[in-house]
Amino acid sequence: MQVQVDIEFDQLLKIVRTLHSGQLRKLQAEIERKKEDKKSKKIDLEKLLLSGPTATKKQLEAIKNNRKAINQWRTKS
C-alpha cells in the first residue's frame, strides 16, 4: 500500500528542521545518493552517445543532397 501526501515547501522545511541529527544525516545521505544516481545515468547516456555510430563523409554528403532536394520539392508550388 502506498500513500502520497502533498506538502508545501515551507511545511517540508519545518519538518526537516525538527529532525534530530541522526535522521538529518540519513536524509542528507539519501539526497546525495539520488544526486549520484542522476549523475551516473547522465554519464552512461553520454558514453552511449559518444560510442555510437558516426556518419562517413559520403553519408553526410548524401544527407546534404537529400535535404537540398526535399527543400526544393517543398518550395515548388
PDB file of N, CA and C in Angstrom:
ATOM      1  N   MET A   1       0.842  -1.182   0.000  1.00  0.00           N
ATOM      2  CA  MET A   1       0.000   0.000   0.000  1.00  0.00           C
ATOM      3  C   MET A   1       0.882   1.238   0.000  1.00  0.00           C
ATOM      4  N   GLN A   2       0.510   2.206  -0.801  1.00  0.00           N
ATOM      5  CA  GLN A   2       1.299   3.418  -0.910  1.00  0.00           C
ATOM      6  C   GLN A   2       0.397   4.614  -0.702  1.00  0.00           C
ATOM      7  N   VAL A   3       0.905   5.576   0.063  1.00  0.00           N
ATOM      8  CA  VAL A   3       0.150   6.794   0.332  1.00  0.00           C
ATOM      9  C   VAL A   3       0.969   7.983  -0.137  1.00  0.00           C
ATOM     10  N   GLN A   4       0.320   8.894  -0.829  1.00  0.00           N
ATOM     11  CA  GLN A   4       1.006  10.091  -1.300  1.00  0.00           C
ATOM     12  C   GLN A   4       0.398  11.293  -0.601  1.00  0.00           C
ATOM     13  N   VAL A   5       1.272  12.159  -0.091  1.00  0.00           N
ATOM     14  CA  VAL A   5       0.823  13.348   0.622  1.00  0.00           C
ATOM     15  C   VAL A   5       1.436  14.566  -0.049  1.00  0.00           C
ATOM     16  N   ASP A   6       0.605  15.555  -0.344  1.00  0.00           N
ATOM     17  CA  ASP A   6       1.104  16.806  -0.914  1.00  0.00           C
ATOM     18  C   ASP A   6       1.444  17.754   0.230  1.00  0.00           C
ATOM     19  N   ILE A   7       2.713  18.166   0.285  1.00  0.00           N
ATOM     20  CA  ILE A   7       3.183  19.050   1.353  1.00  0.00           C
ATOM     21  C   ILE A   7       3.792  20.288   0.709  1.00  0.00           C
ATOM     22  N   GLU A   8       3.420  21.437   1.231  1.00  0.00           N
ATOM     23  CA  GLU A   8       4.018  22.686   0.768  1.00  0.00           C
ATOM     24  C   GLU A   8       5.493  22.690   1.146  1.00  0.00           C
ATOM     25  N   PHE A   9       6.295  23.449   0.390  1.00  0.00           N
ATOM     26  CA  PHE A   9       7.730  23.501   0.645  1.00  0.00           C
ATOM     27  C   PHE A   9       8.025  24.016   2.060  1.00  0.00           C
ATOM     28  N   ASP A  10       7.299  25.043   2.480  1.00  0.00           N
ATOM     29  CA  ASP A  10       7.508  25.588   3.831  1.00  0.00           C
ATOM     30  C   ASP A  10       7.225  24.544   4.902  1.00  0.00           C
ATOM     31  N   GLN A  11       6.182  23.749   4.695  1.00  0.00           N
ATOM     32  CA  GLN A  11       5.863  22.691   5.646  1.00  0.00           C
ATOM     33  C   GLN A  11       6.975  21.650   5.687  1.00  0.00           C
ATOM     34  N   LEU A  12       7.500  21.341   4.514  1.00  0.00           N
ATOM     35  CA  LEU A  12       8.591  20.376   4.430  1.00  0.00           C
ATOM     36  C   LEU A  12       9.814  20.882   5.183  1.00  0.00           C
ATOM     37  N   LEU A  13      10.137  22.162   5.019  1.00  0.00           N
ATOM     38  CA  LEU A  13      11.260  22.742   5.750  1.00  0.00           C
ATOM     39  C   LEU A  13      11.060  22.635   7.256  1.00  0.00           C
ATOM     40  N   LYS A  14       9.852  22.902   7.719  1.00  0.00           N
ATOM     41  CA  LYS A  14       9.565  22.798   9.162  1.00  0.00           C
ATOM     42  C   LYS A  14       9.788  21.368   9.646  1.00  0.00           C
ATOM     43  N   ILE A  15       9.356  20.411   8.848  1.00  0.00           N
ATOM     44  CA  ILE A  15       9.526  19.000   9.219  1.00  0.00           C
ATOM     45  C   ILE A  15      11.007  18.644   9.278  1.00  0.00           C
ATOM     46  N   VAL A  16      11.763  19.073   8.264  1.00  0.00           N
ATOM     47  CA  VAL A  16      13.198  18.777   8.219  1.00  0.00           C
ATOM     48  C   VAL A  16      13.907  19.397   9.414  1.00  0.00           C
ATOM     49  N   ARG A  17      13.510  20.591   9.795  1.00  0.00           N
ATOM     50  CA  ARG A  17      14.146  21.274  10.930  1.00  0.00           C
ATOM     51  C   ARG A  17      13.879  20.570  12.255  1.00  0.00           C
ATOM     52  N   THR A  18      12.818  19.775  12.309  1.00  0.00           N
ATOM     53  CA  THR A  18      12.522  19.071  13.558  1.00  0.00           C
ATOM     54  C   THR A  18      13.255  17.736  13.674  1.00  0.00           C
ATOM     55  N   LEU A  19      13.923  17.303  12.609  1.00  0.00           N
ATOM     56  CA  LEU A  19      14.643  16.029  12.640  1.00  0.00           C
ATOM     57  C   LEU A  19      15.850  16.121  13.566  1.00  0.00           C
ATOM     58  N   HIS A  20      16.111  15.026  14.285  1.00  0.00           N
ATOM     59  CA  HIS A  20      17.330  15.001  15.096  1.00  0.00           C
ATOM     60  C   HIS A  20      18.516  14.694  14.196  1.00  0.00           C
ATOM     61  N   SER A  21      19.715  14.864  14.704  1.00  0.00           N
ATOM     62  CA  SER A  21      20.917  14.819  13.872  1.00  0.00           C
ATOM     63  C   SER A  21      21.075  13.499  13.114  1.00  0.00           C
ATOM     64  N   GLY A  22      20.727  12.375  13.715  1.00  0.00           N
ATOM     65  CA  GLY A  22      20.841  11.080  13.039  1.00  0.00           C
ATOM     66  C   GLY A  22      19.926  10.994  11.830  1.00  0.00           C
ATOM     67  N   GLN A  23      18.690  11.441  12.006  1.00  0.00           N
ATOM     68  CA  GLN A  23      17.732  11.419  10.900  1.00  0.00           C
ATOM     69  C   GLN A  23      18.147  12.412   9.813  1.00  0.00           C
ATOM     70  N   LEU A  24      18.690  13.546  10.239  1.00  0.00           N
ATOM     71  CA  LEU A  24      19.130  14.557   9.283  1.00  0.00           C
ATOM     72  C   LEU A  24      20.284  14.027   8.434  1.00  0.00           C
ATOM     73  N   ARG A  25      21.209  13.305   9.056  1.00  0.00           N
ATOM     74  CA  ARG A  25      22.318  12.705   8.299  1.00  0.00           C
ATOM     75  C   ARG A  25      21.794  11.663   7.311  1.00  0.00           C
ATOM     76  N   LYS A  26      20.810  10.862   7.735  1.00  0.00           N
ATOM     77  CA  LYS A  26      20.215   9.867   6.829  1.00  0.00           C
ATOM     78  C   LYS A  26      19.570  10.553   5.624  1.00  0.00           C
ATOM     79  N   LEU A  27      18.839  11.635   5.896  1.00  0.00           N
ATOM     80  CA  LEU A  27      18.176  12.375   4.829  1.00  0.00           C
ATOM     81  C   LEU A  27      19.209  12.950   3.867  1.00  0.00           C
ATOM     82  N   GLN A  28      20.259  13.531   4.415  1.00  0.00           N
ATOM     83  CA  GLN A  28      21.307  14.112   3.574  1.00  0.00           C
ATOM     84  C   GLN A  28      21.995  13.035   2.738  1.00  0.00           C
ATOM     85  N   ALA A  29      22.244  11.883   3.326  1.00  0.00           N
ATOM     86  CA  ALA A  29      22.871  10.781   2.597  1.00  0.00           C
ATOM     87  C   ALA A  29      21.970  10.311   1.450  1.00  0.00           C
ATOM     88  N   GLU A  30      20.681  10.252   1.696  1.00  0.00           N
ATOM     89  CA  GLU A  30      19.731   9.831   0.659  1.00  0.00           C
ATOM     90  C   GLU A  30      19.696  10.844  -0.483  1.00  0.00           C
ATOM     91  N   ILE A  31      19.725  12.120  -0.152  1.00  0.00           N
ATOM     92  CA  ILE A  31      19.737  13.163  -1.184  1.00  0.00           C
ATOM     93  C   ILE A  31      21.007  13.062  -2.008  1.00  0.00           C
ATOM     94  N   GLU A  32      22.139  12.868  -1.368  1.00  0.00           N
ATOM     95  CA  GLU A  32      23.411  12.726  -2.084  1.00  0.00           C
ATOM     96  C   GLU A  32      23.408  11.493  -2.981  1.00  0.00           C
ATOM     97  N   ARG A  33      22.812  10.403  -2.484  1.00  0.00           N
ATOM     98  CA  ARG A  33      22.733   9.165  -3.272  1.00  0.00           C
ATOM     99  C   ARG A  33      21.907   9.404  -4.532  1.00  0.00           C
ATOM    100  N   LYS A  34      20.811  10.130  -4.398  1.00  0.00           N
ATOM    101  CA  LYS A  34      19.965  10.435  -5.565  1.00  0.00           C
ATOM    102  C   LYS A  34      20.729  11.287  -6.574  1.00  0.00           C
ATOM    103  N   LYS A  35      21.525  12.255  -6.079  1.00  0.00           N
ATOM    104  CA  LYS A  35      22.326  13.086  -6.978  1.00  0.00           C
ATOM    105  C   LYS A  35      23.314  12.222  -7.748  1.00  0.00           C
ATOM    106  N   GLU A  36      23.958  11.293  -7.053  1.00  0.00           N
ATOM    107  CA  GLU A  36      24.936  10.414  -7.698  1.00  0.00           C
ATOM    108  C   GLU A  36      24.267   9.522  -8.736  1.00  0.00           C
ATOM    109  N   ASP A  37      23.051   9.029  -8.418  1.00  0.00           N
ATOM    110  CA  ASP A  37      22.321   8.192  -9.379  1.00  0.00           C
ATOM    111  C   ASP A  37      22.048   8.965 -10.666  1.00  0.00           C
ATOM    112  N   LYS A  38      21.596  10.210 -10.523  1.00  0.00           N
ATOM    113  CA  LYS A  38      21.306  11.025 -11.704  1.00  0.00           C
ATOM    114  C   LYS A  38      22.582  11.309 -12.487  1.00  0.00           C
ATOM    115  N   LYS A  39      23.660  11.610 -11.771  1.00  0.00           N
ATOM    116  CA  LYS A  39      24.932  11.891 -12.419  1.00  0.00           C
ATOM    117  C   LYS A  39      25.423  10.660 -13.171  1.00  0.00           C
ATOM    118  N   SER A  40      25.264   9.501 -12.560  1.00  0.00           N
ATOM    119  CA  SER A  40      25.686   8.245 -13.181  1.00  0.00           C
ATOM    120  C   SER A  40      24.887   7.972 -14.448  1.00  0.00           C
ATOM    121  N   LYS A  41      23.591   8.206 -14.399  1.00  0.00           N
ATOM    122  CA  LYS A  41      22.751   7.989 -15.573  1.00  0.00           C
ATOM    123  C   LYS A  41      23.138   8.942 -16.695  1.00  0.00           C
ATOM    124  N   LYS A  42      23.463  10.179 -16.337  1.00  0.00           N
ATOM    125  CA  LYS A  42      23.864  11.160 -17.342  1.00  0.00           C
ATOM    126  C   LYS A  42      25.167  10.722 -18.008  1.00  0.00           C
ATOM    127  N   ILE A  43      26.103  10.251 -17.221  1.00  0.00           N
ATOM    128  CA  ILE A  43      27.386   9.800 -17.755  1.00  0.00           C
ATOM    129  C   ILE A  43      27.183   8.578 -18.642  1.00  0.00           C
ATOM    130  N   ASP A  44      26.312   7.652 -18.221  1.00  0.00           N
ATOM    131  CA  ASP A  44      26.040   6.467 -19.030  1.00  0.00           C
ATOM    132  C   ASP A  44      25.447   6.858 -20.385  1.00  0.00           C
ATOM    133  N   LEU A  45      24.518   7.804 -20.397  1.00  0.00           N
ATOM    134  CA  LEU A  45      23.914   8.259 -21.649  1.00  0.00           C
ATOM    135  C   LEU A  45      24.974   8.918 -22.523  1.00  0.00           C
ATOM    136  N   GLU A  46      25.825   9.725 -21.901  1.00  0.00           N
ATOM    137  CA  GLU A  46      26.883  10.391 -22.650  1.00  0.00           C
ATOM    138  C   GLU A  46      27.827   9.367 -23.273  1.00  0.00           C
ATOM    139  N   LYS A  47      28.197   8.337 -22.511  1.00  0.00           N
ATOM    140  CA  LYS A  47      29.067   7.278 -23.039  1.00  0.00           C
ATOM    141  C   LYS A  47      28.396   6.571 -24.211  1.00  0.00           C
ATOM    142  N   LEU A  48      27.109   6.278 -24.058  1.00  0.00           N
ATOM    143  CA  LEU A  48      26.363   5.599 -25.113  1.00  0.00           C
ATOM    144  C   LEU A  48      26.361   6.432 -26.393  1.00  0.00           C
ATOM    145  N   LEU A  49      26.073   7.716 -26.254  1.00  0.00           N
ATOM    146  CA  LEU A  49      26.016   8.571 -27.429  1.00  0.00           C
ATOM    147  C   LEU A  49      27.384   8.733 -28.087  1.00  0.00           C
ATOM    148  N   LEU A  50      28.413   8.865 -27.259  1.00  0.00           N
ATOM    149  CA  LEU A  50      29.747   9.050 -27.821  1.00  0.00           C
ATOM    150  C   LEU A  50      30.301   7.781 -28.455  1.00  0.00           C
ATOM    151  N   SER A  51      29.836   6.639 -28.016  1.00  0.00           N
ATOM    152  CA  SER A  51      30.343   5.384 -28.571  1.00  0.00           C
ATOM    153  C   SER A  51      29.477   4.869 -29.720  1.00  0.00           C
ATOM    154  N   GLY A  52      28.451   5.628 -30.070  1.00  0.00           N
ATOM    155  CA  GLY A  52      27.548   5.215 -31.134  1.00  0.00           C
ATOM    156  C   GLY A  52      28.171   5.381 -32.509  1.00  0.00           C
ATOM    157  N   PRO A  53      27.454   4.921 -33.514  1.00  0.00           N
ATOM    158  CA  PRO A  53      27.980   5.016 -34.884  1.00  0.00           C
ATOM    159  C   PRO A  53      28.036   6.471 -35.349  1.00  0.00           C
ATOM    160  N   THR A  54      28.968   6.742 -36.241  1.00  0.00           N
ATOM    161  CA  THR A  54      29.089   8.080 -36.816  1.00  0.00           C
ATOM    162  C   THR A  54      28.969   7.965 -38.335  1.00  0.00           C
ATOM    163  N   ALA A  55      28.536   9.054 -38.931  1.00  0.00           N
ATOM    164  CA  ALA A  55      28.354   9.060 -40.379  1.00  0.00           C
ATOM    165  C   ALA A  55      29.692   9.324 -41.070  1.00  0.00           C
ATOM    166  N   THR A  56      29.842   8.711 -42.212  1.00  0.00           N
ATOM    167  CA  THR A  56      31.041   8.956 -43.027  1.00  0.00           C
ATOM    168  C   THR A  56      30.825  10.245 -43.828  1.00  0.00           C
ATOM    169  N   LYS A  57      31.898  10.737 -44.438  1.00  0.00           N
ATOM    170  CA  LYS A  57      31.776  11.941 -45.269  1.00  0.00           C
ATOM    171  C   LYS A  57      30.821  11.699 -46.427  1.00  0.00           C
ATOM    172  N   LYS A  58      30.859  10.500 -46.979  1.00  0.00           N
ATOM    173  CA  LYS A  58      29.979  10.154 -48.097  1.00  0.00           C
ATOM    174  C   LYS A  58      28.511  10.187 -47.647  1.00  0.00           C
ATOM    175  N   GLN A  59      28.238   9.636 -46.460  1.00  0.00           N
ATOM    176  CA  GLN A  59      26.873   9.636 -45.941  1.00  0.00           C
ATOM    177  C   GLN A  59      26.404  11.051 -45.638  1.00  0.00           C
ATOM    178  N   LEU A  60      27.280  11.880 -45.064  1.00  0.00           N
ATOM    179  CA  LEU A  60      26.915  13.267 -44.780  1.00  0.00           C
ATOM    180  C   LEU A  60      26.615  14.037 -46.059  1.00  0.00           C
ATOM    181  N   GLU A  61      27.369  13.776 -47.107  1.00  0.00           N
ATOM    182  CA  GLU A  61      27.123  14.426 -48.398  1.00  0.00           C
ATOM    183  C   GLU A  61      25.772  13.985 -48.967  1.00  0.00           C
ATOM    184  N   ALA A  62      25.451  12.702 -48.831  1.00  0.00           N
ATOM    185  CA  ALA A  62      24.154  12.199 -49.302  1.00  0.00           C
ATOM    186  C   ALA A  62      23.017  12.860 -48.529  1.00  0.00           C
ATOM    187  N   ILE A  63      23.176  13.004 -47.226  1.00  0.00           N
ATOM    188  CA  ILE A  63      22.151  13.666 -46.406  1.00  0.00           C
ATOM    189  C   ILE A  63      21.969  15.109 -46.856  1.00  0.00           C
ATOM    190  N   LYS A  64      23.089  15.791 -47.087  1.00  0.00           N
ATOM    191  CA  LYS A  64      23.051  17.184 -47.528  1.00  0.00           C
ATOM    192  C   LYS A  64      22.295  17.302 -48.846  1.00  0.00           C
ATOM    193  N   ASN A  65      22.610  16.413 -49.794  1.00  0.00           N
ATOM    194  CA  ASN A  65      21.939  16.440 -51.101  1.00  0.00           C
ATOM    195  C   ASN A  65      20.456  16.120 -50.968  1.00  0.00           C
ATOM    196  N   ASN A  66      20.122  15.165 -50.121  1.00  0.00           N
ATOM    197  CA  ASN A  66      18.712  14.816 -49.913  1.00  0.00           C
ATOM    198  C   ASN A  66      17.940  15.985 -49.309  1.00  0.00           C
ATOM    199  N   ARG A  67      18.531  16.649 -48.332  1.00  0.00           N
ATOM    200  CA  ARG A  67      17.872  17.818 -47.725  1.00  0.00           C
ATOM    201  C   ARG A  67      17.644  18.904 -48.771  1.00  0.00           C
ATOM    202  N   LYS A  68      18.652  19.122 -49.589  1.00  0.00           N
ATOM    203  CA  LYS A  68      18.538  20.137 -50.632  1.00  0.00           C
ATOM    204  C   LYS A  68      17.397  19.787 -51.587  1.00  0.00           C
ATOM    205  N   ALA A  69      17.331  18.528 -51.997  1.00  0.00           N
ATOM    206  CA  ALA A  69      16.274  18.081 -52.918  1.00  0.00           C
ATOM    207  C   ALA A  69      14.897  18.204 -52.271  1.00  0.00           C
ATOM    208  N   ILE A  70      14.783  17.826 -51.020  1.00  0.00           N
ATOM    209  CA  ILE A  70      13.495  17.925 -50.314  1.00  0.00           C
ATOM    210  C   ILE A  70      13.075  19.377 -50.182  1.00  0.00           C
ATOM    211  N   ASN A  71      14.011  20.253 -49.827  1.00  0.00           N
ATOM    212  CA  ASN A  71      13.681  21.674 -49.699  1.00  0.00           C
ATOM    213  C   ASN A  71      13.241  22.274 -51.028  1.00  0.00           C
ATOM    214  N   GLN A  72      13.867  21.861 -52.128  1.00  0.00           N
ATOM    215  CA  GLN A  72      13.456  22.354 -53.443  1.00  0.00           C
ATOM    216  C   GLN A  72      12.064  21.840 -53.788  1.00  0.00           C
ATOM    217  N   TRP A  73      11.796  20.595 -53.458  1.00  0.00           N
ATOM    218  CA  TRP A  73      10.492  19.996 -53.745  1.00  0.00           C
ATOM    219  C   TRP A  73       9.400  20.707 -52.943  1.00  0.00           C
ATOM    220  N   ARG A  74       9.696  21.021 -51.664  1.00  0.00           N
ATOM    221  CA  ARG A  74       8.698  21.653 -50.796  1.00  0.00           C
ATOM    222  C   ARG A  74       8.380  23.068 -51.236  1.00  0.00           C
ATOM    223  N   THR A  75       9.351  23.784 -51.787  1.00  0.00           N
ATOM    224  CA  THR A  75       9.127  25.184 -52.150  1.00  0.00           C
ATOM    225  C   THR A  75       8.502  25.348 -53.518  1.00  0.00           C
ATOM    226  N   LYS A  76       8.443  24.287 -54.326  1.00  0.00           N
ATOM    227  CA  LYS A  76       7.793  24.380 -55.637  1.00  0.00           C
ATOM    228  C   LYS A  76       6.291  24.406 -55.437  1.00  0.00           C
ATOM    229  N   SER A  77       5.645  25.353 -56.099  1.00  0.00           N
ATOM    230  CA  SER A  77       4.187  25.453 -55.983  1.00  0.00           C
ATOM    231  C   SER A  77       3.525  25.294 -57.318  1.00  0.00           C
TER     232      SER A  77
END
